[in-house]
């Protein structure tokens, strides 16, 4: 039976539930060894560590994908702000132009709601504290400003 995310296994407090599962499985392997099942404990330990390596790689890939919401939201701020400025201008008051600009704002709102959902998913999975390395952030800022 699978446990829902956000239960006592650690999710919801910044700890992904699979970390608690790993700890329980490693404890079980140690218990097997202590009970005299050295081979069984060793096999379980090896399987858990193999899975853990795969899990870490999956988590890293997921975090990279979910980080996109930050970049998307930054772009939306620029798009929405410029569209709002255009709507205030004489050109933005022309009937055909005004409707198109309002469509852009409406669609930008849809994208913003979708990225908010991505952020909520990231938090529910206990991945909200994952951030790019400081050099990565600085590199992006330098690339954008240069």
N, C-alpha and C. Protein backbone atom coordinates (compact mmCIF):
# COMPACT_ATOMS: atom_id res chain seq x y z
N UNK A 1 0.85 -1.18 0.00
CA UNK A 1 0.00 0.00 0.00
C UNK A 1 0.89 1.23 0.00
N UNK A 2 0.61 2.20 -0.85
CA UNK A 2 1.41 3.41 -0.90
C UNK A 2 0.83 4.44 0.05
N UNK A 3 1.74 5.22 0.64
CA UNK A 3 1.32 6.26 1.57
C UNK A 3 1.16 7.56 0.81
N UNK A 4 0.14 8.36 1.15
CA UNK A 4 -0.01 9.64 0.47
C UNK A 4 1.11 10.59 0.85
N UNK A 5 1.45 11.49 -0.06
CA UNK A 5 2.45 12.50 0.23
C UNK A 5 1.89 13.43 1.29
N UNK A 6 2.74 13.84 2.23
CA UNK A 6 2.30 14.78 3.25
C UNK A 6 1.92 14.09 4.54
N UNK A 7 2.28 12.81 4.68
CA UNK A 7 1.93 12.10 5.91
C UNK A 7 3.11 12.11 6.88
N UNK A 8 3.04 11.28 7.88
CA UNK A 8 4.06 11.25 8.92
C UNK A 8 5.41 10.75 8.41
N UNK A 9 5.49 10.29 7.16
CA UNK A 9 6.75 9.77 6.65
C UNK A 9 7.76 10.87 6.37
N UNK A 10 7.37 12.12 6.53
CA UNK A 10 8.34 13.19 6.40
C UNK A 10 7.93 14.25 5.40
N UNK A 11 7.11 13.92 4.41
CA UNK A 11 6.71 14.93 3.44
C UNK A 11 5.84 15.96 4.13
N UNK A 12 5.88 17.15 3.64
CA UNK A 12 5.11 18.22 4.25
C UNK A 12 5.97 19.02 5.21
N UNK A 13 7.08 18.42 5.66
CA UNK A 13 8.00 19.16 6.52
C UNK A 13 9.34 19.35 5.80
N UNK A 14 9.31 19.28 4.48
CA UNK A 14 10.51 19.50 3.70
C UNK A 14 11.32 18.25 3.42
N UNK A 15 10.89 17.10 3.91
CA UNK A 15 11.61 15.86 3.69
C UNK A 15 10.79 14.97 2.76
N UNK A 16 11.35 14.63 1.58
CA UNK A 16 10.60 13.75 0.68
C UNK A 16 10.33 12.40 1.33
N UNK A 17 9.18 11.79 1.07
CA UNK A 17 8.81 10.54 1.73
C UNK A 17 9.76 9.40 1.40
N UNK A 18 10.44 9.45 0.26
CA UNK A 18 11.33 8.35 -0.08
C UNK A 18 12.57 8.32 0.79
N UNK A 19 12.91 9.44 1.45
CA UNK A 19 14.03 9.42 2.38
C UNK A 19 13.70 8.59 3.62
N UNK A 20 12.47 8.72 4.10
CA UNK A 20 12.04 7.93 5.25
C UNK A 20 11.95 6.45 4.87
N UNK A 21 11.51 6.17 3.65
CA UNK A 21 11.45 4.78 3.19
C UNK A 21 12.85 4.18 3.14
N UNK A 22 13.81 4.92 2.63
CA UNK A 22 15.19 4.42 2.58
C UNK A 22 15.69 4.09 3.98
N UNK A 23 15.44 4.99 4.93
CA UNK A 23 15.90 4.76 6.30
C UNK A 23 15.25 3.50 6.88
N UNK A 24 13.94 3.32 6.64
CA UNK A 24 13.27 2.12 7.16
C UNK A 24 13.82 0.85 6.53
N UNK A 25 14.08 0.90 5.23
CA UNK A 25 14.62 -0.28 4.55
C UNK A 25 16.04 -0.61 5.02
N UNK A 26 16.86 0.41 5.21
CA UNK A 26 18.21 0.17 5.71
C UNK A 26 18.18 -0.36 7.14
N UNK A 27 17.25 0.15 7.95
CA UNK A 27 17.09 -0.39 9.31
C UNK A 27 16.69 -1.86 9.24
N UNK A 28 15.80 -2.17 8.32
CA UNK A 28 15.36 -3.56 8.15
C UNK A 28 16.53 -4.46 7.75
N UNK A 29 17.37 -3.97 6.83
CA UNK A 29 18.55 -4.74 6.41
C UNK A 29 19.48 -4.96 7.59
N UNK A 30 19.69 -3.93 8.40
CA UNK A 30 20.55 -4.06 9.58
C UNK A 30 19.94 -5.04 10.58
N UNK A 31 18.62 -4.99 10.72
CA UNK A 31 17.94 -5.94 11.61
C UNK A 31 18.08 -7.37 11.13
N UNK A 32 18.01 -7.58 9.84
CA UNK A 32 18.20 -8.92 9.27
C UNK A 32 19.60 -9.43 9.57
N UNK A 33 20.59 -8.57 9.40
CA UNK A 33 21.98 -8.95 9.68
C UNK A 33 22.15 -9.27 11.16
N UNK A 34 21.55 -8.44 12.02
CA UNK A 34 21.67 -8.65 13.47
C UNK A 34 20.99 -9.95 13.89
N UNK A 35 19.95 -10.35 13.14
CA UNK A 35 19.23 -11.58 13.46
C UNK A 35 19.90 -12.81 12.86
N UNK A 36 21.03 -12.60 12.19
CA UNK A 36 21.77 -13.74 11.65
C UNK A 36 21.59 -13.97 10.16
N UNK A 37 20.76 -13.20 9.53
CA UNK A 37 20.56 -13.34 8.08
C UNK A 37 21.49 -12.36 7.36
N UNK A 38 22.78 -12.67 7.43
CA UNK A 38 23.79 -11.79 6.85
C UNK A 38 23.59 -11.63 5.35
N UNK A 39 23.34 -12.73 4.65
CA UNK A 39 23.18 -12.68 3.19
C UNK A 39 21.93 -11.89 2.81
N UNK A 40 20.82 -12.15 3.48
CA UNK A 40 19.58 -11.43 3.18
C UNK A 40 19.71 -9.95 3.47
N UNK A 41 20.33 -9.62 4.58
CA UNK A 41 20.55 -8.22 4.94
C UNK A 41 21.44 -7.52 3.93
N UNK A 42 22.47 -8.22 3.47
CA UNK A 42 23.39 -7.64 2.49
C UNK A 42 22.68 -7.41 1.15
N UNK A 43 21.86 -8.37 0.75
CA UNK A 43 21.13 -8.23 -0.52
C UNK A 43 20.15 -7.05 -0.43
N UNK A 44 19.40 -6.99 0.67
CA UNK A 44 18.46 -5.88 0.84
C UNK A 44 19.19 -4.55 0.85
N UNK A 45 20.31 -4.48 1.57
CA UNK A 45 21.08 -3.25 1.63
C UNK A 45 21.55 -2.84 0.23
N UNK A 46 22.07 -3.78 -0.53
CA UNK A 46 22.55 -3.48 -1.88
C UNK A 46 21.40 -3.02 -2.78
N UNK A 47 20.26 -3.67 -2.69
CA UNK A 47 19.10 -3.27 -3.49
C UNK A 47 18.63 -1.86 -3.13
N UNK A 48 18.60 -1.56 -1.84
CA UNK A 48 18.17 -0.23 -1.40
C UNK A 48 19.14 0.83 -1.92
N UNK A 49 20.42 0.57 -1.84
CA UNK A 49 21.40 1.56 -2.30
C UNK A 49 21.34 1.73 -3.82
N UNK A 50 21.09 0.65 -4.55
CA UNK A 50 20.93 0.76 -6.00
C UNK A 50 19.70 1.62 -6.33
N UNK A 51 18.58 1.31 -5.65
CA UNK A 51 17.36 2.10 -5.85
C UNK A 51 17.61 3.55 -5.45
N UNK A 52 18.35 3.77 -4.36
CA UNK A 52 18.59 5.12 -3.89
C UNK A 52 19.34 5.96 -4.92
N UNK A 53 20.32 5.36 -5.58
CA UNK A 53 21.04 6.07 -6.63
C UNK A 53 20.10 6.46 -7.77
N UNK A 54 19.23 5.54 -8.16
CA UNK A 54 18.25 5.84 -9.20
C UNK A 54 17.27 6.92 -8.74
N UNK A 55 16.86 6.84 -7.48
CA UNK A 55 15.92 7.82 -6.93
C UNK A 55 16.53 9.21 -6.91
N UNK A 56 17.79 9.29 -6.52
CA UNK A 56 18.46 10.60 -6.48
C UNK A 56 18.55 11.20 -7.87
N UNK A 57 18.85 10.37 -8.86
CA UNK A 57 18.92 10.85 -10.24
C UNK A 57 17.54 11.32 -10.71
N UNK A 58 16.50 10.55 -10.38
CA UNK A 58 15.13 10.93 -10.75
C UNK A 58 14.75 12.24 -10.07
N UNK A 59 15.07 12.38 -8.79
CA UNK A 59 14.74 13.59 -8.04
C UNK A 59 15.43 14.80 -8.64
N UNK A 60 16.70 14.64 -9.01
CA UNK A 60 17.43 15.74 -9.61
C UNK A 60 16.80 16.16 -10.94
N UNK A 61 16.41 15.19 -11.74
CA UNK A 61 15.76 15.47 -13.02
C UNK A 61 14.42 16.17 -12.79
N UNK A 62 13.65 15.70 -11.82
CA UNK A 62 12.36 16.32 -11.50
C UNK A 62 12.55 17.75 -11.03
N UNK A 63 13.53 17.98 -10.17
CA UNK A 63 13.78 19.34 -9.68
C UNK A 63 14.15 20.28 -10.82
N UNK A 64 14.96 19.81 -11.74
CA UNK A 64 15.32 20.64 -12.89
C UNK A 64 14.07 21.01 -13.69
N UNK A 65 13.20 20.04 -13.90
CA UNK A 65 11.97 20.30 -14.66
C UNK A 65 11.07 21.27 -13.91
N UNK A 66 10.96 21.10 -12.60
CA UNK A 66 10.08 21.97 -11.83
C UNK A 66 10.66 23.37 -11.63
N UNK A 67 11.98 23.50 -11.75
CA UNK A 67 12.58 24.84 -11.66
C UNK A 67 12.15 25.72 -12.82
N UNK A 68 11.71 25.11 -13.89
CA UNK A 68 11.29 25.89 -15.06
C UNK A 68 10.19 26.86 -14.70
N UNK A 69 9.38 26.54 -13.69
CA UNK A 69 8.29 27.45 -13.35
C UNK A 69 8.80 28.82 -12.94
N UNK A 70 9.96 28.89 -12.33
CA UNK A 70 10.53 30.19 -11.94
C UNK A 70 10.87 31.00 -13.19
N UNK A 71 11.50 30.37 -14.15
CA UNK A 71 11.86 31.06 -15.39
C UNK A 71 10.61 31.48 -16.16
N UNK A 72 9.62 30.62 -16.19
CA UNK A 72 8.37 30.94 -16.89
C UNK A 72 7.69 32.13 -16.22
N UNK A 73 7.63 32.13 -14.90
CA UNK A 73 7.00 33.25 -14.19
C UNK A 73 7.75 34.56 -14.43
N UNK A 74 9.08 34.50 -14.46
CA UNK A 74 9.85 35.72 -14.75
C UNK A 74 9.49 36.27 -16.12
N UNK A 75 9.39 35.38 -17.11
CA UNK A 75 9.03 35.82 -18.45
C UNK A 75 7.60 36.38 -18.47
N UNK A 76 6.69 35.77 -17.73
CA UNK A 76 5.31 36.24 -17.70
C UNK A 76 5.19 37.64 -17.11
N UNK A 77 6.02 37.95 -16.13
CA UNK A 77 6.00 39.29 -15.54
C UNK A 77 6.32 40.32 -16.62
N UNK A 78 7.34 40.03 -17.42
CA UNK A 78 7.70 40.95 -18.49
C UNK A 78 6.62 41.06 -19.55
N UNK A 79 6.07 39.93 -19.95
CA UNK A 79 5.02 39.94 -20.97
C UNK A 79 3.79 40.69 -20.46
N UNK A 80 3.32 40.31 -19.28
CA UNK A 80 2.11 40.93 -18.74
C UNK A 80 2.29 42.42 -18.50
N UNK A 81 3.43 42.81 -17.97
CA UNK A 81 3.69 44.23 -17.72
C UNK A 81 3.69 45.04 -19.00
N UNK A 82 4.34 44.51 -20.03
CA UNK A 82 4.37 45.22 -21.30
C UNK A 82 3.01 45.27 -21.96
N UNK A 83 2.24 44.21 -21.85
CA UNK A 83 0.89 44.21 -22.41
C UNK A 83 0.03 45.24 -21.69
N UNK A 84 0.15 45.33 -20.37
CA UNK A 84 -0.63 46.31 -19.62
C UNK A 84 -0.25 47.74 -20.02
N UNK A 85 1.04 47.96 -20.24
CA UNK A 85 1.47 49.29 -20.71
C UNK A 85 0.90 49.59 -22.09
N UNK A 86 0.91 48.59 -22.96
CA UNK A 86 0.35 48.79 -24.30
C UNK A 86 -1.15 49.08 -24.23
N UNK A 87 -1.85 48.42 -23.31
CA UNK A 87 -3.28 48.67 -23.17
C UNK A 87 -3.57 50.11 -22.75
N UNK A 88 -2.65 50.73 -22.06
CA UNK A 88 -2.82 52.12 -21.63
C UNK A 88 -2.47 53.11 -22.73
N UNK A 89 -1.78 52.65 -23.75
CA UNK A 89 -1.35 53.55 -24.82
C UNK A 89 -2.47 53.74 -25.85
N UNK A 90 -2.36 54.78 -26.68
CA UNK A 90 -3.36 54.99 -27.74
C UNK A 90 -3.46 53.78 -28.67
N UNK A 91 -2.33 53.16 -28.99
CA UNK A 91 -2.37 51.98 -29.87
C UNK A 91 -3.16 50.85 -29.23
N UNK A 92 -3.03 50.70 -27.91
CA UNK A 92 -3.74 49.65 -27.20
C UNK A 92 -5.22 49.87 -27.08
N UNK A 93 -5.69 51.06 -27.40
CA UNK A 93 -7.11 51.37 -27.33
C UNK A 93 -7.85 51.07 -28.62
N UNK A 94 -7.10 50.76 -29.67
CA UNK A 94 -7.73 50.41 -30.94
C UNK A 94 -8.44 49.08 -30.77
N UNK A 95 -9.69 48.97 -31.23
CA UNK A 95 -10.51 47.78 -30.98
C UNK A 95 -9.82 46.45 -31.29
N UNK A 96 -9.27 46.24 -32.43
CA UNK A 96 -8.65 44.95 -32.76
C UNK A 96 -7.42 44.66 -31.90
N UNK A 97 -6.65 45.69 -31.65
CA UNK A 97 -5.43 45.55 -30.86
C UNK A 97 -5.79 45.27 -29.40
N UNK A 98 -6.76 45.99 -28.89
CA UNK A 98 -7.16 45.83 -27.48
C UNK A 98 -7.59 44.40 -27.20
N UNK A 99 -8.39 43.81 -28.06
CA UNK A 99 -8.86 42.43 -27.85
C UNK A 99 -7.70 41.45 -27.86
N UNK A 100 -6.76 41.67 -28.77
CA UNK A 100 -5.59 40.77 -28.85
C UNK A 100 -4.73 40.89 -27.59
N UNK A 101 -4.53 42.10 -27.12
CA UNK A 101 -3.74 42.30 -25.90
C UNK A 101 -4.44 41.68 -24.70
N UNK A 102 -5.76 41.80 -24.63
CA UNK A 102 -6.51 41.18 -23.53
C UNK A 102 -6.40 39.65 -23.60
N UNK A 103 -6.37 39.12 -24.82
CA UNK A 103 -6.19 37.67 -24.98
C UNK A 103 -4.82 37.25 -24.46
N UNK A 104 -3.80 38.04 -24.75
CA UNK A 104 -2.45 37.73 -24.26
C UNK A 104 -2.44 37.73 -22.73
N UNK A 105 -3.08 38.72 -22.11
CA UNK A 105 -3.14 38.77 -20.64
C UNK A 105 -3.88 37.57 -20.07
N UNK A 106 -4.99 37.21 -20.70
CA UNK A 106 -5.78 36.07 -20.22
C UNK A 106 -4.95 34.78 -20.32
N UNK A 107 -4.27 34.57 -21.44
CA UNK A 107 -3.47 33.37 -21.62
C UNK A 107 -2.26 33.36 -20.70
N UNK A 108 -1.68 34.53 -20.46
CA UNK A 108 -0.57 34.62 -19.50
C UNK A 108 -1.05 34.20 -18.10
N UNK A 109 -2.28 34.56 -17.77
CA UNK A 109 -2.87 34.15 -16.50
C UNK A 109 -3.02 32.63 -16.41
N UNK A 110 -3.40 32.02 -17.51
CA UNK A 110 -3.51 30.55 -17.53
C UNK A 110 -2.15 29.89 -17.28
N UNK A 111 -1.12 30.42 -17.93
CA UNK A 111 0.23 29.87 -17.75
C UNK A 111 0.68 30.07 -16.30
N UNK A 112 0.39 31.24 -15.75
CA UNK A 112 0.77 31.53 -14.36
C UNK A 112 0.10 30.56 -13.41
N UNK A 113 -1.18 30.26 -13.63
CA UNK A 113 -1.87 29.29 -12.77
C UNK A 113 -1.25 27.90 -12.90
N UNK A 114 -0.85 27.52 -14.10
CA UNK A 114 -0.22 26.22 -14.31
C UNK A 114 1.13 26.15 -13.60
N UNK A 115 1.91 27.22 -13.66
CA UNK A 115 3.20 27.20 -12.99
C UNK A 115 3.03 27.23 -11.47
N UNK A 116 1.97 27.87 -11.00
CA UNK A 116 1.69 27.85 -9.56
C UNK A 116 1.40 26.41 -9.12
N UNK A 117 0.68 25.67 -9.97
CA UNK A 117 0.42 24.26 -9.68
C UNK A 117 1.70 23.45 -9.63
N UNK A 118 2.65 23.78 -10.51
CA UNK A 118 3.95 23.10 -10.48
C UNK A 118 4.67 23.39 -9.17
N UNK A 119 4.61 24.63 -8.72
CA UNK A 119 5.26 25.00 -7.46
C UNK A 119 4.61 24.28 -6.28
N UNK A 120 3.29 24.17 -6.30
CA UNK A 120 2.59 23.46 -5.23
C UNK A 120 2.96 21.98 -5.23
N UNK A 121 3.10 21.39 -6.41
CA UNK A 121 3.51 19.99 -6.52
C UNK A 121 4.91 19.82 -5.96
N UNK A 122 5.79 20.73 -6.30
CA UNK A 122 7.16 20.69 -5.80
C UNK A 122 7.17 20.73 -4.27
N UNK A 123 6.36 21.60 -3.69
CA UNK A 123 6.30 21.71 -2.23
C UNK A 123 5.71 20.44 -1.61
N UNK A 124 4.64 19.89 -2.22
CA UNK A 124 4.03 18.67 -1.69
C UNK A 124 5.01 17.50 -1.70
N UNK A 125 5.89 17.46 -2.68
CA UNK A 125 6.87 16.39 -2.76
C UNK A 125 8.06 16.61 -1.84
N UNK A 126 8.08 17.75 -1.17
CA UNK A 126 9.19 18.05 -0.27
C UNK A 126 10.42 18.53 -1.01
N UNK A 127 10.22 19.05 -2.22
CA UNK A 127 11.34 19.51 -3.03
C UNK A 127 11.45 21.02 -3.06
N UNK A 128 10.61 21.72 -2.31
CA UNK A 128 10.57 23.18 -2.37
C UNK A 128 11.88 23.81 -1.94
N UNK A 129 12.65 23.12 -1.10
CA UNK A 129 13.90 23.73 -0.64
C UNK A 129 15.03 23.55 -1.64
N UNK A 130 14.81 22.75 -2.70
CA UNK A 130 15.83 22.56 -3.73
C UNK A 130 16.01 23.87 -4.48
N UNK A 131 17.25 24.32 -4.58
CA UNK A 131 17.55 25.56 -5.30
C UNK A 131 18.78 25.32 -6.16
N UNK A 132 18.91 26.07 -7.24
CA UNK A 132 20.12 25.93 -8.04
C UNK A 132 21.33 26.39 -7.24
N UNK A 133 22.49 25.88 -7.59
CA UNK A 133 23.71 26.30 -6.92
C UNK A 133 23.90 27.80 -7.13
N UNK A 134 24.56 28.46 -6.19
CA UNK A 134 24.69 29.92 -6.27
C UNK A 134 25.40 30.33 -7.56
N UNK A 135 26.37 29.57 -8.01
CA UNK A 135 27.04 29.90 -9.26
C UNK A 135 26.10 29.83 -10.44
N UNK A 136 25.17 28.89 -10.38
CA UNK A 136 24.20 28.75 -11.46
C UNK A 136 23.30 29.98 -11.54
N UNK A 137 22.85 30.45 -10.37
CA UNK A 137 22.01 31.65 -10.35
C UNK A 137 22.79 32.85 -10.85
N UNK A 138 24.02 33.00 -10.37
CA UNK A 138 24.82 34.14 -10.78
C UNK A 138 25.12 34.09 -12.27
N UNK A 139 25.39 32.88 -12.79
CA UNK A 139 25.66 32.73 -14.21
C UNK A 139 24.46 33.13 -15.04
N UNK A 140 23.27 32.76 -14.60
CA UNK A 140 22.07 33.13 -15.33
C UNK A 140 21.86 34.64 -15.29
N UNK A 141 22.08 35.24 -14.14
CA UNK A 141 21.89 36.70 -14.02
C UNK A 141 22.89 37.43 -14.90
N UNK A 142 24.13 36.93 -14.93
CA UNK A 142 25.14 37.58 -15.75
C UNK A 142 24.79 37.44 -17.23
N UNK A 143 24.31 36.28 -17.60
CA UNK A 143 23.94 36.06 -19.00
C UNK A 143 22.78 36.95 -19.42
N UNK A 144 21.83 37.16 -18.49
CA UNK A 144 20.66 37.96 -18.81
C UNK A 144 21.01 39.45 -18.86
N UNK A 145 21.93 39.88 -17.99
CA UNK A 145 22.24 41.30 -17.96
C UNK A 145 23.26 41.69 -19.01
N UNK A 146 24.03 40.70 -19.54
CA UNK A 146 25.09 41.01 -20.48
C UNK A 146 24.59 40.92 -21.85
